[in-house]
Amino acid sequence: MGALETPVRIYDLSCGGCFIISLHEQGQGVSFTLKIELPYEGWIRVRAESIYHRPDYGFAVRFTQMSDDVAQRLERAVDALKEREPYDE
């Protein structure tokens, strides 16, 4: 059976993980592939594992596997986001 792609909103992105805002309940310890469209860097694909959830709000994940190239692109995007002014587009 193929994977179902579900759009999600990401919050609090870091090089080690993020919080996914979703009404879909996700149990702890579930591994999956996450595709993220990074500002300034385009799409990346990482392996992630859910670490906790907030009912009716979303769940946190830690990134468990990514290529060196993806890690570098993620770090550049996170650094660029830290440097921009709040509410910049």
PDB file of N, CA and C in Angstrom:
ATOM      1  N   MET A   1       0.841  -1.174   0.000  1.00  0.00           N
ATOM      2  CA  MET A   1       0.000   0.000   0.000  1.00  0.00           C
ATOM      3  C   MET A   1       0.887   1.238   0.000  1.00  0.00           C
ATOM      4  N   GLY A   2       0.586   2.236  -0.818  1.00  0.00           N
ATOM      5  CA  GLY A   2       1.365   3.458  -0.904  1.00  0.00           C
ATOM      6  C   GLY A   2       1.064   4.397   0.242  1.00  0.00           C
ATOM      7  N   ALA A   3       1.991   5.305   0.457  1.00  0.00           N
ATOM      8  CA  ALA A   3       1.831   6.293   1.521  1.00  0.00           C
ATOM      9  C   ALA A   3       0.833   7.355   1.089  1.00  0.00           C
ATOM     10  N   LEU A   4       0.096   7.849   2.039  1.00  0.00           N
ATOM     11  CA  LEU A   4      -0.865   8.912   1.803  1.00  0.00           C
ATOM     12  C   LEU A   4      -0.201  10.245   2.117  1.00  0.00           C
ATOM     13  N   GLU A   5      -0.149  11.146   1.154  1.00  0.00           N
ATOM     14  CA  GLU A   5       0.427  12.466   1.390  1.00  0.00           C
ATOM     15  C   GLU A   5      -0.645  13.372   1.961  1.00  0.00           C
ATOM     16  N   THR A   6      -0.330  13.988   3.087  1.00  0.00           N
ATOM     17  CA  THR A   6      -1.260  14.870   3.774  1.00  0.00           C
ATOM     18  C   THR A   6      -0.572  16.205   4.029  1.00  0.00           C
ATOM     19  N   PRO A   7      -1.101  17.305   3.512  1.00  0.00           N
ATOM     20  CA  PRO A   7      -0.492  18.616   3.790  1.00  0.00           C
ATOM     21  C   PRO A   7      -0.606  18.937   5.279  1.00  0.00           C
ATOM     22  N   VAL A   8       0.461  19.502   5.821  1.00  0.00           N
ATOM     23  CA  VAL A   8       0.481  19.899   7.226  1.00  0.00           C
ATOM     24  C   VAL A   8       1.116  21.278   7.339  1.00  0.00           C
ATOM     25  N   ARG A   9       0.904  21.912   8.473  1.00  0.00           N
ATOM     26  CA  ARG A   9       1.544  23.197   8.766  1.00  0.00           C
ATOM     27  C   ARG A   9       2.609  22.946   9.820  1.00  0.00           C
ATOM     28  N   ILE A  10       3.801  23.446   9.555  1.00  0.00           N
ATOM     29  CA  ILE A  10       4.931  23.236  10.456  1.00  0.00           C
ATOM     30  C   ILE A  10       5.167  24.492  11.275  1.00  0.00           C
ATOM     31  N   TYR A  11       5.458  24.271  12.554  1.00  0.00           N
ATOM     32  CA  TYR A  11       5.718  25.352  13.488  1.00  0.00           C
ATOM     33  C   TYR A  11       7.002  25.024  14.242  1.00  0.00           C
ATOM     34  N   ASP A  12       7.753  26.024  14.613  1.00  0.00           N
ATOM     35  CA  ASP A  12       8.946  25.853  15.448  1.00  0.00           C
ATOM     36  C   ASP A  12       9.961  24.909  14.791  1.00  0.00           C
ATOM     37  N   LEU A  13      10.300  25.189  13.551  1.00  0.00           N
ATOM     38  CA  LEU A  13      11.259  24.378  12.807  1.00  0.00           C
ATOM     39  C   LEU A  13      12.671  24.604  13.335  1.00  0.00           C
ATOM     40  N   SER A  14      13.402  23.527  13.551  1.00  0.00           N
ATOM     41  CA  SER A  14      14.813  23.594  13.923  1.00  0.00           C
ATOM     42  C   SER A  14      15.558  22.521  13.135  1.00  0.00           C
ATOM     43  N   CYS A  15      16.865  22.455  13.321  1.00  0.00           N
ATOM     44  CA  CYS A  15      17.645  21.436  12.619  1.00  0.00           C
ATOM     45  C   CYS A  15      17.392  20.046  13.176  1.00  0.00           C
ATOM     46  N   GLY A  16      16.804  19.963  14.365  1.00  0.00           N
ATOM     47  CA  GLY A  16      16.565  18.668  14.991  1.00  0.00           C
ATOM     48  C   GLY A  16      15.145  18.163  14.934  1.00  0.00           C
ATOM     49  N   GLY A  17      14.194  19.036  14.536  1.00  0.00           N
ATOM     50  CA  GLY A  17      12.801  18.612  14.493  1.00  0.00           C
ATOM     51  C   GLY A  17      11.870  19.794  14.321  1.00  0.00           C
ATOM     52  N   CYS A  18      10.574  19.556  14.582  1.00  0.00           N
ATOM     53  CA  CYS A  18       9.576  20.610  14.441  1.00  0.00           C
ATOM     54  C   CYS A  18       8.282  20.174  15.122  1.00  0.00           C
ATOM     55  N   PHE A  19       7.335  21.099  15.173  1.00  0.00           N
ATOM     56  CA  PHE A  19       5.992  20.779  15.642  1.00  0.00           C
ATOM     57  C   PHE A  19       5.070  20.842  14.436  1.00  0.00           C
ATOM     58  N   ILE A  20       4.229  19.840  14.278  1.00  0.00           N
ATOM     59  CA  ILE A  20       3.306  19.767  13.150  1.00  0.00           C
ATOM     60  C   ILE A  20       1.904  20.041  13.658  1.00  0.00           C
ATOM     61  N   ILE A  21       1.306  21.096  13.142  1.00  0.00           N
ATOM     62  CA  ILE A  21      -0.064  21.421  13.517  1.00  0.00           C
ATOM     63  C   ILE A  21      -0.987  20.557  12.667  1.00  0.00           C
ATOM     64  N   SER A  22      -1.766  19.724  13.339  1.00  0.00           N
ATOM     65  CA  SER A  22      -2.608  18.765  12.636  1.00  0.00           C
ATOM     66  C   SER A  22      -3.714  18.283  13.560  1.00  0.00           C
ATOM     67  N   LEU A  23      -4.897  18.119  13.030  1.00  0.00           N
ATOM     68  CA  LEU A  23      -5.987  17.540  13.806  1.00  0.00           C
ATOM     69  C   LEU A  23      -5.897  16.021  13.823  1.00  0.00           C
ATOM     70  N   HIS A  24      -5.043  15.473  12.959  1.00  0.00           N
ATOM     71  CA  HIS A  24      -4.821  14.029  12.911  1.00  0.00           C
ATOM     72  C   HIS A  24      -4.032  13.606  14.146  1.00  0.00           C
ATOM     73  N   GLU A  25      -4.544  12.675  14.904  1.00  0.00           N
ATOM     74  CA  GLU A  25      -3.838  12.165  16.080  1.00  0.00           C
ATOM     75  C   GLU A  25      -2.668  11.296  15.623  1.00  0.00           C
ATOM     76  N   GLN A  26      -1.510  11.509  16.202  1.00  0.00           N
ATOM     77  CA  GLN A  26      -0.318  10.737  15.853  1.00  0.00           C
ATOM     78  C   GLN A  26       0.259  10.168  17.142  1.00  0.00           C
ATOM     79  N   GLY A  27       0.347   8.862  17.216  1.00  0.00           N
ATOM     80  CA  GLY A  27       0.893   8.223  18.397  1.00  0.00           C
ATOM     81  C   GLY A  27       2.385   8.475  18.542  1.00  0.00           C
ATOM     82  N   GLN A  28       2.883   8.327  19.750  1.00  0.00           N
ATOM     83  CA  GLN A  28       4.298   8.504  20.030  1.00  0.00           C
ATOM     84  C   GLN A  28       5.110   7.360  19.429  1.00  0.00           C
ATOM     85  N   GLY A  29       6.284   7.684  18.896  1.00  0.00           N
ATOM     86  CA  GLY A  29       7.191   6.675  18.372  1.00  0.00           C
ATOM     87  C   GLY A  29       6.913   6.215  16.958  1.00  0.00           C
ATOM     88  N   VAL A  30       6.051   6.911  16.234  1.00  0.00           N
ATOM     89  CA  VAL A  30       5.732   6.546  14.854  1.00  0.00           C
ATOM     90  C   VAL A  30       6.750   7.198  13.918  1.00  0.00           C
ATOM     91  N   SER A  31       7.373   6.396  13.063  1.00  0.00           N
ATOM     92  CA  SER A  31       8.354   6.900  12.093  1.00  0.00           C
ATOM     93  C   SER A  31       7.699   7.082  10.734  1.00  0.00           C
ATOM     94  N   PHE A  32       8.089   8.135  10.036  1.00  0.00           N
ATOM     95  CA  PHE A  32       7.530   8.417   8.717  1.00  0.00           C
ATOM     96  C   PHE A  32       8.448   9.358   7.965  1.00  0.00           C
ATOM     97  N   THR A  33       8.206   9.497   6.667  1.00  0.00           N
ATOM     98  CA  THR A  33       8.942  10.447   5.836  1.00  0.00           C
ATOM     99  C   THR A  33       8.169  11.752   5.801  1.00  0.00           C
ATOM    100  N   LEU A  34       8.883  12.842   6.007  1.00  0.00           N
ATOM    101  CA  LEU A  34       8.278  14.164   6.008  1.00  0.00           C
ATOM    102  C   LEU A  34       8.918  14.982   4.895  1.00  0.00           C
ATOM    103  N   LYS A  35       8.071  15.543   4.022  1.00  0.00           N
ATOM    104  CA  LYS A  35       8.544  16.447   2.974  1.00  0.00           C
ATOM    105  C   LYS A  35       8.249  17.866   3.427  1.00  0.00           C
ATOM    106  N   ILE A  36       9.270  18.712   3.379  1.00  0.00           N
ATOM    107  CA  ILE A  36       9.143  20.095   3.849  1.00  0.00           C
ATOM    108  C   ILE A  36       9.595  21.027   2.741  1.00  0.00           C
ATOM    109  N   GLU A  37       8.788  22.046   2.473  1.00  0.00           N
ATOM    110  CA  GLU A  37       9.206  23.093   1.547  1.00  0.00           C
ATOM    111  C   GLU A  37       9.866  24.197   2.370  1.00  0.00           C
ATOM    112  N   LEU A  38      11.180  24.271   2.269  1.00  0.00           N
ATOM    113  CA  LEU A  38      11.937  25.251   3.029  1.00  0.00           C
ATOM    114  C   LEU A  38      11.976  26.588   2.310  1.00  0.00           C
ATOM    115  N   PRO A  39      11.816  27.680   3.060  1.00  0.00           N
ATOM    116  CA  PRO A  39      12.020  28.984   2.433  1.00  0.00           C
ATOM    117  C   PRO A  39      13.476  29.092   1.989  1.00  0.00           C
ATOM    118  N   TYR A  40      13.690  29.624   0.830  1.00  0.00           N
ATOM    119  CA  TYR A  40      15.015  29.879   0.262  1.00  0.00           C
ATOM    120  C   TYR A  40      15.735  28.626  -0.244  1.00  0.00           C
ATOM    121  N   GLU A  41      15.290  27.418   0.124  1.00  0.00           N
ATOM    122  CA  GLU A  41      16.027  26.201  -0.207  1.00  0.00           C
ATOM    123  C   GLU A  41      15.212  25.165  -0.980  1.00  0.00           C
ATOM    124  N   GLY A  42      13.909  25.310  -1.067  1.00  0.00           N
ATOM    125  CA  GLY A  42      13.081  24.351  -1.790  1.00  0.00           C
ATOM    126  C   GLY A  42      12.710  23.138  -0.947  1.00  0.00           C
ATOM    127  N   TRP A  43      12.305  22.073  -1.617  1.00  0.00           N
ATOM    128  CA  TRP A  43      11.801  20.876  -0.949  1.00  0.00           C
ATOM    129  C   TRP A  43      12.926  19.990  -0.429  1.00  0.00           C
ATOM    130  N   ILE A  44      12.714  19.438   0.773  1.00  0.00           N
ATOM    131  CA  ILE A  44      13.602  18.423   1.323  1.00  0.00           C
ATOM    132  C   ILE A  44      12.752  17.248   1.803  1.00  0.00           C
ATOM    133  N   ARG A  45      13.414  16.133   2.019  1.00  0.00           N
ATOM    134  CA  ARG A  45      12.749  14.924   2.516  1.00  0.00           C
ATOM    135  C   ARG A  45      13.598  14.390   3.681  1.00  0.00           C
ATOM    136  N   VAL A  46      12.952  14.190   4.840  1.00  0.00           N
ATOM    137  CA  VAL A  46      13.648  13.685   6.026  1.00  0.00           C
ATOM    138  C   VAL A  46      12.826  12.558   6.643  1.00  0.00           C
ATOM    139  N   ARG A  47      13.501  11.700   7.385  1.00  0.00           N
ATOM    140  CA  ARG A  47      12.808  10.711   8.204  1.00  0.00           C
ATOM    141  C   ARG A  47      12.577  11.365   9.559  1.00  0.00           C
ATOM    142  N   ALA A  48      11.404  11.151  10.111  1.00  0.00           N
ATOM    143  CA  ALA A  48      11.028  11.771  11.380  1.00  0.00           C
ATOM    144  C   ALA A  48      10.341  10.739  12.266  1.00  0.00           C
ATOM    145  N   GLU A  49      10.348  11.022  13.566  1.00  0.00           N
ATOM    146  CA  GLU A  49       9.669  10.171  14.536  1.00  0.00           C
ATOM    147  C   GLU A  49       8.876  11.063  15.473  1.00  0.00           C
ATOM    148  N   SER A  50       7.614  10.724  15.700  1.00  0.00           N
ATOM    149  CA  SER A  50       6.791  11.512  16.613  1.00  0.00           C
ATOM    150  C   SER A  50       7.259  11.277  18.046  1.00  0.00           C
ATOM    151  N   ILE A  51       7.339  12.370  18.825  1.00  0.00           N
ATOM    152  CA  ILE A  51       7.829  12.232  20.195  1.00  0.00           C
ATOM    153  C   ILE A  51       6.774  12.581  21.240  1.00  0.00           C
ATOM    154  N   TYR A  52       5.810  13.413  20.914  1.00  0.00           N
ATOM    155  CA  TYR A  52       4.672  13.660  21.803  1.00  0.00           C
ATOM    156  C   TYR A  52       3.578  14.361  21.012  1.00  0.00           C
ATOM    157  N   HIS A  53       2.367  14.379  21.554  1.00  0.00           N
ATOM    158  CA  HIS A  53       1.288  15.081  20.867  1.00  0.00           C
ATOM    159  C   HIS A  53       0.485  15.917  21.861  1.00  0.00           C
ATOM    160  N   ARG A  54      -0.145  16.933  21.325  1.00  0.00           N
ATOM    161  CA  ARG A  54      -1.090  17.758  22.077  1.00  0.00           C
ATOM    162  C   ARG A  54      -2.452  17.498  21.451  1.00  0.00           C
ATOM    163  N   PRO A  55      -3.364  16.899  22.192  1.00  0.00           N
ATOM    164  CA  PRO A  55      -4.678  16.564  21.630  1.00  0.00           C
ATOM    165  C   PRO A  55      -5.356  17.778  20.982  1.00  0.00           C
ATOM    166  N   ASP A  56      -5.945  17.543  19.835  1.00  0.00           N
ATOM    167  CA  ASP A  56      -6.671  18.557  19.068  1.00  0.00           C
ATOM    168  C   ASP A  56      -5.796  19.720  18.611  1.00  0.00           C
ATOM    169  N   TYR A  57      -4.486  19.528  18.581  1.00  0.00           N
ATOM    170  CA  TYR A  57      -3.606  20.603  18.125  1.00  0.00           C
ATOM    171  C   TYR A  57      -2.505  20.119  17.193  1.00  0.00           C
ATOM    172  N   GLY A  58      -1.775  19.072  17.578  1.00  0.00           N
ATOM    173  CA  GLY A  58      -0.709  18.591  16.723  1.00  0.00           C
ATOM    174  C   GLY A  58       0.276  17.726  17.471  1.00  0.00           C
ATOM    175  N   PHE A  59       1.462  17.546  16.873  1.00  0.00           N
ATOM    176  CA  PHE A  59       2.455  16.672  17.470  1.00  0.00           C
ATOM    177  C   PHE A  59       3.866  17.125  17.107  1.00  0.00           C
ATOM    178  N   ALA A  60       4.801  16.791  17.977  1.00  0.00           N
ATOM    179  CA  ALA A  60       6.208  17.136  17.774  1.00  0.00           C
ATOM    180  C   ALA A  60       6.940  15.943  17.177  1.00  0.00           C
ATOM    181  N   VAL A  61       7.923  16.242  16.345  1.00  0.00           N
ATOM    182  CA  VAL A  61       8.749  15.191  15.752  1.00  0.00           C
ATOM    183  C   VAL A  61      10.212  15.564  15.887  1.00  0.00           C
ATOM    184  N   ARG A  62      11.030  14.532  15.927  1.00  0.00           N
ATOM    185  CA  ARG A  62      12.471  14.737  15.817  1.00  0.00           C
ATOM    186  C   ARG A  62      12.901  14.117  14.507  1.00  0.00           C
ATOM    187  N   PHE A  63      13.854  14.757  13.857  1.00  0.00           N
ATOM    188  CA  PHE A  63      14.370  14.237  12.608  1.00  0.00           C
ATOM    189  C   PHE A  63      15.374  13.134  12.935  1.00  0.00           C
ATOM    190  N   THR A  64      15.213  11.995  12.288  1.00  0.00           N
ATOM    191  CA  THR A  64      16.045  10.841  12.599  1.00  0.00           C
ATOM    192  C   THR A  64      17.027  10.490  11.492  1.00  0.00           C
ATOM    193  N   GLN A  65      16.760  10.942  10.272  1.00  0.00           N
ATOM    194  CA  GLN A  65      17.648  10.591   9.162  1.00  0.00           C
ATOM    195  C   GLN A  65      17.477  11.588   8.034  1.00  0.00           C
ATOM    196  N   MET A  66      18.632  12.071   7.528  1.00  0.00           N
ATOM    197  CA  MET A  66      18.639  12.948   6.352  1.00  0.00           C
ATOM    198  C   MET A  66      20.037  12.916   5.767  1.00  0.00           C
ATOM    199  N   SER A  67      20.134  13.216   4.493  1.00  0.00           N
ATOM    200  CA  SER A  67      21.441  13.256   3.839  1.00  0.00           C
ATOM    201  C   SER A  67      22.212  14.487   4.318  1.00  0.00           C
ATOM    202  N   ASP A  68      23.512  14.487   4.077  1.00  0.00           N
ATOM    203  CA  ASP A  68      24.345  15.638   4.438  1.00  0.00           C
ATOM    204  C   ASP A  68      23.879  16.893   3.698  1.00  0.00           C
ATOM    205  N   ASP A  69      23.523  16.746   2.416  1.00  0.00           N
ATOM    206  CA  ASP A  69      23.042  17.881   1.632  1.00  0.00           C
ATOM    207  C   ASP A  69      21.764  18.458   2.237  1.00  0.00           C
ATOM    208  N   VAL A  70      20.836  17.598   2.609  1.00  0.00           N
ATOM    209  CA  VAL A  70      19.580  18.055   3.220  1.00  0.00           C
ATOM    210  C   VAL A  70      19.860  18.744   4.549  1.00  0.00           C
ATOM    211  N   ALA A  71      20.754  18.197   5.353  1.00  0.00           N
ATOM    212  CA  ALA A  71      21.098  18.808   6.642  1.00  0.00           C
ATOM    213  C   ALA A  71      21.660  20.216   6.445  1.00  0.00           C
ATOM    214  N   GLN A  72      22.509  20.397   5.435  1.00  0.00           N
ATOM    215  CA  GLN A  72      23.085  21.712   5.152  1.00  0.00           C
ATOM    216  C   GLN A  72      22.011  22.690   4.688  1.00  0.00           C
ATOM    217  N   ARG A  73      21.113  22.237   3.825  1.00  0.00           N
ATOM    218  CA  ARG A  73      20.034  23.105   3.337  1.00  0.00           C
ATOM    219  C   ARG A  73      19.096  23.484   4.477  1.00  0.00           C
ATOM    220  N   LEU A  74      18.782  22.537   5.346  1.00  0.00           N
ATOM    221  CA  LEU A  74      17.919  22.811   6.493  1.00  0.00           C
ATOM    222  C   LEU A  74      18.576  23.832   7.415  1.00  0.00           C
ATOM    223  N   GLU A  75      19.851  23.666   7.686  1.00  0.00           N
ATOM    224  CA  GLU A  75      20.559  24.606   8.553  1.00  0.00           C
ATOM    225  C   GLU A  75      20.571  26.009   7.954  1.00  0.00           C
ATOM    226  N   ARG A  76      20.817  26.114   6.645  1.00  0.00           N
ATOM    227  CA  ARG A  76      20.807  27.434   5.992  1.00  0.00           C
ATOM    228  C   ARG A  76      19.432  28.086   6.091  1.00  0.00           C
ATOM    229  N   ALA A  77      18.373  27.297   5.872  1.00  0.00           N
ATOM    230  CA  ALA A  77      17.016  27.850   5.933  1.00  0.00           C
ATOM    231  C   ALA A  77      16.677  28.305   7.346  1.00  0.00           C
ATOM    232  N   VAL A  78      17.022  27.510   8.348  1.00  0.00           N
ATOM    233  CA  VAL A  78      16.748  27.881   9.741  1.00  0.00           C
ATOM    234  C   VAL A  78      17.512  29.153  10.103  1.00  0.00           C
ATOM    235  N   ASP A  79      18.783  29.234   9.705  1.00  0.00           N
ATOM    236  CA  ASP A  79      19.574  30.438   9.980  1.00  0.00           C
ATOM    237  C   ASP A  79      18.956  31.665   9.302  1.00  0.00           C
ATOM    238  N   ALA A  80      18.522  31.520   8.068  1.00  0.00           N
ATOM    239  CA  ALA A  80      17.915  32.642   7.340  1.00  0.00           C
ATOM    240  C   ALA A  80      16.612  33.077   8.009  1.00  0.00           C
ATOM    241  N   LEU A  81      15.827  32.135   8.489  1.00  0.00           N
ATOM    242  CA  LEU A  81      14.583  32.479   9.169  1.00  0.00           C
ATOM    243  C   LEU A  81      14.843  33.203  10.487  1.00  0.00           C
ATOM    244  N   LYS A  82      15.896  32.842  11.179  1.00  0.00           N
ATOM    245  CA  LYS A  82      16.245  33.506  12.442  1.00  0.00           C
ATOM    246  C   LYS A  82      16.640  34.962  12.205  1.00  0.00           C
ATOM    247  N   GLU A  83      17.240  35.234  11.060  1.00  0.00           N
ATOM    248  CA  GLU A  83      17.749  36.571  10.762  1.00  0.00           C
ATOM    249  C   GLU A  83      16.699  37.540  10.240  1.00  0.00           C
ATOM    250  N   ARG A  84      15.598  37.032   9.732  1.00  0.00           N
ATOM    251  CA  ARG A  84      14.614  37.944   9.140  1.00  0.00           C
ATOM    252  C   ARG A  84      13.783  38.621  10.220  1.00  0.00           C
ATOM    253  N   GLU A  85      13.227  39.732   9.869  1.00  0.00           N
ATOM    254  CA  GLU A  85      12.374  40.485  10.780  1.00  0.00           C
ATOM    255  C   GLU A  85      11.044  39.757  10.961  1.00  0.00           C
ATOM    256  N   PRO A  86      10.411  39.894  12.117  1.00  0.00           N
ATOM    257  CA  PRO A  86       9.105  39.258  12.310  1.00  0.00           C
ATOM    258  C   PRO A  86       8.101  39.729  11.242  1.00  0.00           C
ATOM    259  N   TYR A  87       7.335  38.793  10.756  1.00  0.00           N
ATOM    260  CA  TYR A  87       6.270  39.048   9.777  1.00  0.00           C
ATOM    261  C   TYR A  87       6.770  39.484   8.421  1.00  0.00           C
ATOM    262  N   ASP A  88       8.079  39.285   8.136  1.00  0.00           N
ATOM    263  CA  ASP A  88       8.568  39.528   6.779  1.00  0.00           C
ATOM    264  C   ASP A  88       7.962  38.484   5.854  1.00  0.00           C
ATOM    265  N   GLU A  89       7.766  38.852   4.626  1.00  0.00           N
ATOM    266  CA  GLU A  89       7.235  37.907   3.645  1.00  0.00           C
ATOM    267  C   GLU A  89       8.321  37.532   2.686  1.00  0.00           C
TER     268      GLU A  89
END
